[in-house]
Amino acid sequence: MLDSRLQRVRLGTRGPTVGAQGLGCMGMSEFYGDVDESAARATLEAALERGVTMFDTADMYGRGENERFLAPFVRAHREQVVIATKVGSVRGPDGSMSVSNDPGHIRRAVDGSLSRLGIDVIDLYTLHRRDPRVPLADSVGTLADLVVQGKVRHLGLSEVTGDELREAAAVHPIAAVQSEWSLFTRGIERTLVPAAAELGVGIVPYSPLGRGFLTGALPARPRSDDVRSVFPRFTGENARRNAELLAPVAQIAEARGASMAQVALAWLHHRAAVWSLTVVPIPGTRKPSRLAENLAALQITLAEDDLARLDPIAAQVAGDRYPDMTETADSRES
């Protein structure tokens, strides 16, 4: 039975109704070290029992293996699960990354995702990264055709600017935009969030815990099989400087008898009220205990003085989000 304490919200004015917090599933296949598959599967079941309904993946996670991993769970609970997957980021056999928004690629990719997930329709299909070589109207038009064909229910975008969101919405309604948004990363508040509020588009923040940094538990030297080992914010002098920014998060957490993760998520849920839009974070975890901790953030209301202490953090963060920022909205707004 779904946990009635987890509020249900509509993702934008035309999107699906989902639990107020979703689950990012990427780390259940790769990127953050060894995976305990049984614990990961237990986390999926625990999430649904507690009222989480949106589960996020992408065709590039594990080169399709994350979708295959989720398939038994999705099929077993198809009427309760809102499955969100993405297209546009491409992994080569050697691990290299590229972007393709070509209509032909999108049409082939959706069939691949449907097959791996073992379902007939994708609830939220998101353009993972923007390919400047392909007109956005062409890519979104192709996605819109998939809605007409019954392969996709709702469309999303990821890492776009406010102007790009408006351009896409002129072609077909967009249910949600997925972008990095946290106490450490607030760039989307420049143009994207105002555009989303104007258009009635929901925001799905990924990495709402700063890829674990905001929990205070990130190792000083991430292992080589941990993607954070090559991210500028989490290495060398940047990591040391950024760790110092966590002091107010830790102090507020201690004063409230909460965890740092809960404070960071509570702050993000508060932004929904600030901007008058739907915000459904998708913190990723592979442990039922962490899942419960994250969901408890919805019960925390931060005071004005808490918010005032947290507000300056993002402007002081050292280092870029990625080693190569060329495929992010940040690069197209600079």
Foldseek 3Di string as FASTA:
>chain_A
DEAPVFDWDAFFPPAHIFGLAAAEQLVCQFQADDHDLVLLVVQLVLCRNHGGAEYEEECARNVNVSLLSCQVVCVVPVVRHQYEYEDFWDQDPVRDIDGDLDLVRVVVVLVVSCVSNVHQAHREYEHAFDDVVDPLLNSLLSVVVCCVVRRYPAYEYEQAFLVSQVVSVVNPNHREYEYADWLQDHVNVPGNLLSCLVRRGGYAHEPHCVLVVQQVPDDLQRDPRNNCNQAFCRDDPLVVQLNVLNVLLCVVCVVVVATSLLSTLLLVCVVCVVSVHRYHYHYYDSHNVVVVRNSCSVVDHDDPVSCVSSNVSNVRRDGDRGPDCPRHNVVVVD
